[in-house]
Amino acid sequence: MQQHGMTVSYGENGAPHIVEKESPQYPEAQKACLSLLPSPSPVQATPQELAAARKSSACMRERGISWYPDPNPVTGEVQQQDGGTSEQWQSLKKDHLDAYRTCLPRPS
């Protein structure tokens, strides 16, 4: 940001703070530096959420969807890249609607 004309100050915790956010240069500086920002940390699932996600994945496999992956051990989310083809994912609700509804209930 400093290389793009912005003044940066640092708080007591060491976190940087851009002083001139109202500057006409700010949008362009922000755009130029956006790729340098670290990826956000994943939100960690609670033990209960993780257990429920594992149970849902096991339920899907018990109902014949052998390719259905286990959830991410940190976030509890099931990622398509961890199992199955894109065709299988696209047809999941159509070909396995009962399993989908039983194993992956929507929160109420």
N, C-alpha and C. Protein backbone atom coordinates (compact mmCIF):
# COMPACT_ATOMS: atom_id res chain seq x y z
N MET A 1 0.84 -1.18 0.00
CA MET A 1 0.00 0.00 0.00
C MET A 1 0.88 1.24 0.00
N GLN A 2 1.97 1.18 0.78
CA GLN A 2 2.87 2.33 0.82
C GLN A 2 3.48 2.59 -0.54
N GLN A 3 3.77 1.53 -1.29
CA GLN A 3 4.34 1.70 -2.64
C GLN A 3 3.35 2.37 -3.59
N HIS A 4 2.09 2.39 -3.19
CA HIS A 4 1.06 3.01 -4.01
C HIS A 4 0.56 4.32 -3.40
N GLY A 5 1.37 4.91 -2.54
CA GLY A 5 1.08 6.23 -2.01
C GLY A 5 0.22 6.30 -0.77
N MET A 6 -0.07 5.17 -0.15
CA MET A 6 -0.90 5.17 1.04
C MET A 6 -0.04 5.26 2.30
N THR A 7 -0.58 5.93 3.31
CA THR A 7 0.09 6.02 4.60
C THR A 7 -0.44 4.90 5.48
N VAL A 8 0.48 4.11 6.04
CA VAL A 8 0.10 2.98 6.87
C VAL A 8 0.57 3.25 8.29
N SER A 9 -0.35 3.10 9.24
CA SER A 9 0.05 3.20 10.65
C SER A 9 -0.17 1.82 11.27
N TYR A 10 0.46 1.60 12.41
CA TYR A 10 0.36 0.30 13.07
C TYR A 10 -0.19 0.49 14.48
N GLY A 11 -1.24 -0.28 14.80
CA GLY A 11 -1.88 -0.18 16.11
C GLY A 11 -1.04 -0.86 17.18
N GLU A 12 -1.54 -0.84 18.40
CA GLU A 12 -0.84 -1.44 19.53
C GLU A 12 -0.61 -2.94 19.34
N ASN A 13 -1.53 -3.60 18.63
CA ASN A 13 -1.37 -5.03 18.40
C ASN A 13 -0.52 -5.34 17.17
N GLY A 14 0.00 -4.30 16.54
CA GLY A 14 0.86 -4.47 15.37
C GLY A 14 0.12 -4.58 14.06
N ALA A 15 -1.19 -4.53 14.10
CA ALA A 15 -1.97 -4.63 12.87
C ALA A 15 -1.88 -3.34 12.07
N PRO A 16 -1.67 -3.44 10.75
CA PRO A 16 -1.60 -2.24 9.91
C PRO A 16 -2.98 -1.60 9.74
N HIS A 17 -2.96 -0.30 9.57
CA HIS A 17 -4.19 0.47 9.38
C HIS A 17 -3.91 1.50 8.30
N ILE A 18 -4.74 1.51 7.27
CA ILE A 18 -4.59 2.49 6.19
C ILE A 18 -5.24 3.78 6.64
N VAL A 19 -4.48 4.85 6.63
CA VAL A 19 -4.94 6.14 7.13
C VAL A 19 -5.85 6.84 6.13
N GLU A 20 -5.56 6.74 4.86
CA GLU A 20 -6.24 7.56 3.85
C GLU A 20 -7.25 6.79 3.02
N LYS A 21 -8.19 6.12 3.65
CA LYS A 21 -9.17 5.33 2.90
C LYS A 21 -10.07 6.18 2.02
N GLU A 22 -10.15 7.46 2.30
CA GLU A 22 -10.98 8.36 1.50
C GLU A 22 -10.20 8.93 0.31
N SER A 23 -8.92 8.64 0.22
CA SER A 23 -8.08 9.15 -0.86
C SER A 23 -8.53 8.59 -2.20
N PRO A 24 -8.46 9.39 -3.26
CA PRO A 24 -8.81 8.88 -4.59
C PRO A 24 -7.84 7.78 -5.05
N GLN A 25 -6.66 7.71 -4.43
CA GLN A 25 -5.68 6.68 -4.79
C GLN A 25 -6.00 5.33 -4.14
N TYR A 26 -6.82 5.33 -3.10
CA TYR A 26 -7.07 4.12 -2.32
C TYR A 26 -7.62 2.96 -3.14
N PRO A 27 -8.68 3.14 -3.95
CA PRO A 27 -9.22 1.99 -4.70
C PRO A 27 -8.18 1.31 -5.59
N GLU A 28 -7.37 2.12 -6.26
CA GLU A 28 -6.34 1.55 -7.14
C GLU A 28 -5.25 0.84 -6.34
N ALA A 29 -4.86 1.42 -5.21
CA ALA A 29 -3.85 0.79 -4.35
C ALA A 29 -4.39 -0.52 -3.78
N GLN A 30 -5.64 -0.52 -3.36
CA GLN A 30 -6.25 -1.72 -2.82
C GLN A 30 -6.31 -2.82 -3.88
N LYS A 31 -6.69 -2.46 -5.08
CA LYS A 31 -6.76 -3.42 -6.19
C LYS A 31 -5.38 -4.00 -6.48
N ALA A 32 -4.36 -3.16 -6.48
CA ALA A 32 -3.00 -3.62 -6.77
C ALA A 32 -2.47 -4.57 -5.70
N CYS A 33 -2.92 -4.41 -4.48
CA CYS A 33 -2.39 -5.21 -3.36
C CYS A 33 -3.28 -6.37 -2.95
N LEU A 34 -4.44 -6.49 -3.54
CA LEU A 34 -5.40 -7.50 -3.12
C LEU A 34 -4.84 -8.92 -3.17
N SER A 35 -4.07 -9.23 -4.19
CA SER A 35 -3.53 -10.59 -4.33
C SER A 35 -2.49 -10.91 -3.26
N LEU A 36 -2.02 -9.91 -2.53
CA LEU A 36 -1.01 -10.13 -1.49
C LEU A 36 -1.62 -10.45 -0.13
N LEU A 37 -2.94 -10.29 -0.01
CA LEU A 37 -3.60 -10.59 1.27
C LEU A 37 -3.57 -12.09 1.54
N PRO A 38 -3.38 -12.49 2.78
CA PRO A 38 -3.43 -13.92 3.09
C PRO A 38 -4.86 -14.44 2.96
N SER A 39 -4.98 -15.73 2.69
CA SER A 39 -6.30 -16.36 2.63
C SER A 39 -6.91 -16.32 4.02
N PRO A 40 -8.22 -16.14 4.10
CA PRO A 40 -8.85 -16.16 5.42
C PRO A 40 -8.71 -17.54 6.06
N SER A 41 -8.58 -17.57 7.34
CA SER A 41 -8.50 -18.84 8.06
C SER A 41 -9.84 -19.53 7.98
N PRO A 42 -9.83 -20.86 7.81
CA PRO A 42 -11.13 -21.55 7.77
C PRO A 42 -11.81 -21.50 9.13
N VAL A 43 -13.11 -21.49 9.10
CA VAL A 43 -13.89 -21.51 10.34
C VAL A 43 -13.89 -22.95 10.85
N GLN A 44 -13.45 -23.13 12.07
CA GLN A 44 -13.36 -24.46 12.63
C GLN A 44 -14.73 -24.94 13.12
N ALA A 45 -15.08 -26.15 12.71
CA ALA A 45 -16.35 -26.74 13.15
C ALA A 45 -16.24 -27.14 14.61
N THR A 46 -17.36 -27.06 15.30
CA THR A 46 -17.39 -27.53 16.68
C THR A 46 -17.33 -29.06 16.65
N PRO A 47 -16.97 -29.69 17.75
CA PRO A 47 -16.96 -31.16 17.78
C PRO A 47 -18.33 -31.75 17.39
N GLN A 48 -19.41 -31.10 17.80
CA GLN A 48 -20.74 -31.58 17.47
C GLN A 48 -21.01 -31.46 15.96
N GLU A 49 -20.61 -30.34 15.38
CA GLU A 49 -20.80 -30.15 13.94
C GLU A 49 -19.98 -31.16 13.14
N LEU A 50 -18.75 -31.40 13.57
CA LEU A 50 -17.90 -32.35 12.88
C LEU A 50 -18.47 -33.77 12.99
N ALA A 51 -18.95 -34.14 14.17
CA ALA A 51 -19.56 -35.47 14.34
C ALA A 51 -20.79 -35.62 13.45
N ALA A 52 -21.60 -34.59 13.36
CA ALA A 52 -22.80 -34.63 12.51
C ALA A 52 -22.42 -34.75 11.04
N ALA A 53 -21.38 -34.04 10.63
CA ALA A 53 -20.93 -34.11 9.23
C ALA A 53 -20.40 -35.50 8.90
N ARG A 54 -19.64 -36.09 9.82
CA ARG A 54 -19.13 -37.45 9.60
C ARG A 54 -20.29 -38.45 9.52
N LYS A 55 -21.29 -38.28 10.37
CA LYS A 55 -22.45 -39.16 10.38
C LYS A 55 -23.21 -39.04 9.04
N SER A 56 -23.33 -37.82 8.53
CA SER A 56 -24.01 -37.61 7.25
C SER A 56 -23.26 -38.28 6.11
N SER A 57 -21.94 -38.17 6.09
CA SER A 57 -21.15 -38.81 5.03
C SER A 57 -21.28 -40.32 5.10
N ALA A 58 -21.22 -40.89 6.30
CA ALA A 58 -21.38 -42.33 6.47
C ALA A 58 -22.77 -42.77 6.02
N CYS A 59 -23.77 -41.98 6.34
CA CYS A 59 -25.15 -42.27 5.95
C CYS A 59 -25.27 -42.33 4.42
N MET A 60 -24.67 -41.39 3.74
CA MET A 60 -24.71 -41.37 2.27
C MET A 60 -24.07 -42.63 1.71
N ARG A 61 -22.95 -43.04 2.25
CA ARG A 61 -22.27 -44.25 1.76
C ARG A 61 -23.09 -45.50 2.07
N GLU A 62 -23.73 -45.53 3.23
CA GLU A 62 -24.60 -46.67 3.59
C GLU A 62 -25.77 -46.81 2.64
N ARG A 63 -26.15 -45.74 2.01
CA ARG A 63 -27.28 -45.76 1.08
C ARG A 63 -26.81 -45.88 -0.37
N GLY A 64 -25.59 -46.38 -0.57
CA GLY A 64 -25.12 -46.72 -1.91
C GLY A 64 -24.32 -45.65 -2.64
N ILE A 65 -24.02 -44.56 -1.98
CA ILE A 65 -23.25 -43.50 -2.65
C ILE A 65 -21.81 -43.65 -2.17
N SER A 66 -21.15 -44.70 -2.68
CA SER A 66 -19.83 -45.11 -2.18
C SER A 66 -18.75 -44.05 -2.37
N TRP A 67 -18.93 -43.18 -3.33
CA TRP A 67 -17.92 -42.15 -3.63
C TRP A 67 -18.04 -40.93 -2.71
N TYR A 68 -19.09 -40.83 -1.92
CA TYR A 68 -19.31 -39.63 -1.11
C TYR A 68 -18.18 -39.48 -0.08
N PRO A 69 -17.49 -38.33 -0.07
CA PRO A 69 -16.30 -38.16 0.78
C PRO A 69 -16.61 -37.83 2.24
N ASP A 70 -15.61 -38.05 3.06
CA ASP A 70 -15.68 -37.61 4.45
C ASP A 70 -15.55 -36.10 4.49
N PRO A 71 -16.05 -35.46 5.55
CA PRO A 71 -15.92 -34.01 5.66
C PRO A 71 -14.49 -33.60 5.99
N ASN A 72 -14.19 -32.36 5.71
CA ASN A 72 -12.90 -31.78 6.10
C ASN A 72 -12.79 -31.84 7.62
N PRO A 73 -11.67 -32.35 8.16
CA PRO A 73 -11.56 -32.51 9.61
C PRO A 73 -11.49 -31.21 10.39
N VAL A 74 -11.33 -30.09 9.73
CA VAL A 74 -11.29 -28.80 10.42
C VAL A 74 -12.63 -28.08 10.28
N THR A 75 -13.12 -27.96 9.05
CA THR A 75 -14.33 -27.17 8.80
C THR A 75 -15.61 -27.99 8.86
N GLY A 76 -15.51 -29.30 8.68
CA GLY A 76 -16.70 -30.14 8.63
C GLY A 76 -17.42 -30.08 7.30
N GLU A 77 -16.86 -29.36 6.33
CA GLU A 77 -17.50 -29.23 5.02
C GLU A 77 -17.08 -30.37 4.11
N VAL A 78 -17.99 -30.80 3.25
CA VAL A 78 -17.68 -31.81 2.25
C VAL A 78 -17.32 -31.07 0.97
N GLN A 79 -16.17 -31.40 0.42
CA GLN A 79 -15.70 -30.73 -0.79
C GLN A 79 -15.79 -31.69 -1.98
N GLN A 80 -16.25 -31.20 -3.10
CA GLN A 80 -16.38 -32.04 -4.29
C GLN A 80 -15.05 -32.62 -4.74
N GLN A 81 -13.97 -31.88 -4.57
CA GLN A 81 -12.67 -32.38 -5.03
C GLN A 81 -12.17 -33.56 -4.21
N ASP A 82 -12.82 -33.85 -3.07
CA ASP A 82 -12.39 -34.95 -2.21
C ASP A 82 -13.02 -36.29 -2.59
N GLY A 83 -13.92 -36.31 -3.54
CA GLY A 83 -14.54 -37.56 -3.94
C GLY A 83 -15.61 -37.35 -4.98
N GLY A 84 -15.78 -38.33 -5.82
CA GLY A 84 -16.81 -38.27 -6.84
C GLY A 84 -16.40 -37.45 -8.04
N THR A 85 -17.06 -37.72 -9.15
CA THR A 85 -16.83 -36.95 -10.37
C THR A 85 -17.82 -35.79 -10.42
N SER A 86 -17.58 -34.86 -11.29
CA SER A 86 -18.53 -33.74 -11.39
C SER A 86 -19.89 -34.25 -11.87
N GLU A 87 -19.91 -35.31 -12.70
CA GLU A 87 -21.19 -35.88 -13.13
C GLU A 87 -21.95 -36.48 -11.94
N GLN A 88 -21.21 -37.18 -11.05
CA GLN A 88 -21.86 -37.75 -9.87
C GLN A 88 -22.45 -36.66 -8.98
N TRP A 89 -21.71 -35.59 -8.77
CA TRP A 89 -22.21 -34.49 -7.94
C TRP A 89 -23.42 -33.83 -8.58
N GLN A 90 -23.38 -33.67 -9.90
CA GLN A 90 -24.50 -33.03 -10.58
C GLN A 90 -25.77 -33.86 -10.50
N SER A 91 -25.63 -35.17 -10.47
CA SER A 91 -26.82 -36.03 -10.45
C SER A 91 -27.19 -36.48 -9.03
N LEU A 92 -26.49 -36.00 -8.02
CA LEU A 92 -26.72 -36.45 -6.64
C LEU A 92 -28.18 -36.30 -6.21
N LYS A 93 -28.73 -35.13 -6.34
CA LYS A 93 -30.11 -34.89 -5.90
C LYS A 93 -31.12 -35.62 -6.78
N LYS A 94 -30.83 -35.74 -8.05
CA LYS A 94 -31.76 -36.39 -8.97
C LYS A 94 -31.76 -37.91 -8.76
N ASP A 95 -30.57 -38.51 -8.69
CA ASP A 95 -30.47 -39.97 -8.62
C ASP A 95 -30.55 -40.52 -7.19
N HIS A 96 -30.29 -39.71 -6.21
CA HIS A 96 -30.25 -40.17 -4.82
C HIS A 96 -31.01 -39.22 -3.89
N LEU A 97 -32.16 -38.77 -4.32
CA LEU A 97 -32.91 -37.78 -3.57
C LEU A 97 -33.29 -38.26 -2.17
N ASP A 98 -33.71 -39.53 -2.05
CA ASP A 98 -34.09 -40.04 -0.73
C ASP A 98 -32.90 -40.01 0.22
N ALA A 99 -31.74 -40.48 -0.24
CA ALA A 99 -30.53 -40.47 0.61
C ALA A 99 -30.16 -39.03 0.95
N TYR A 100 -30.26 -38.17 -0.03
CA TYR A 100 -29.91 -36.76 0.17
C TYR A 100 -30.78 -36.15 1.27
N ARG A 101 -32.07 -36.39 1.19
CA ARG A 101 -33.00 -35.82 2.17
C ARG A 101 -32.81 -36.44 3.56
N THR A 102 -32.54 -37.74 3.59
CA THR A 102 -32.38 -38.45 4.87
C THR A 102 -31.06 -38.09 5.56
N CYS A 103 -30.00 -38.09 4.79
CA CYS A 103 -28.66 -37.94 5.36
C CYS A 103 -28.20 -36.50 5.52
N LEU A 104 -28.73 -35.63 4.71
CA LEU A 104 -28.29 -34.24 4.71
C LEU A 104 -29.47 -33.31 4.97
N PRO A 105 -30.12 -33.47 6.10
CA PRO A 105 -31.30 -32.63 6.36
C PRO A 105 -30.93 -31.15 6.47
N ARG A 106 -31.84 -30.33 6.04
CA ARG A 106 -31.63 -28.89 6.14
C ARG A 106 -31.88 -28.43 7.56
N PRO A 107 -31.08 -27.46 8.03
CA PRO A 107 -31.35 -26.92 9.37
C PRO A 107 -32.72 -26.24 9.38
N SER A 108 -33.41 -26.35 10.49
CA SER A 108 -34.73 -25.72 10.56
C SER A 108 -34.67 -24.39 11.24
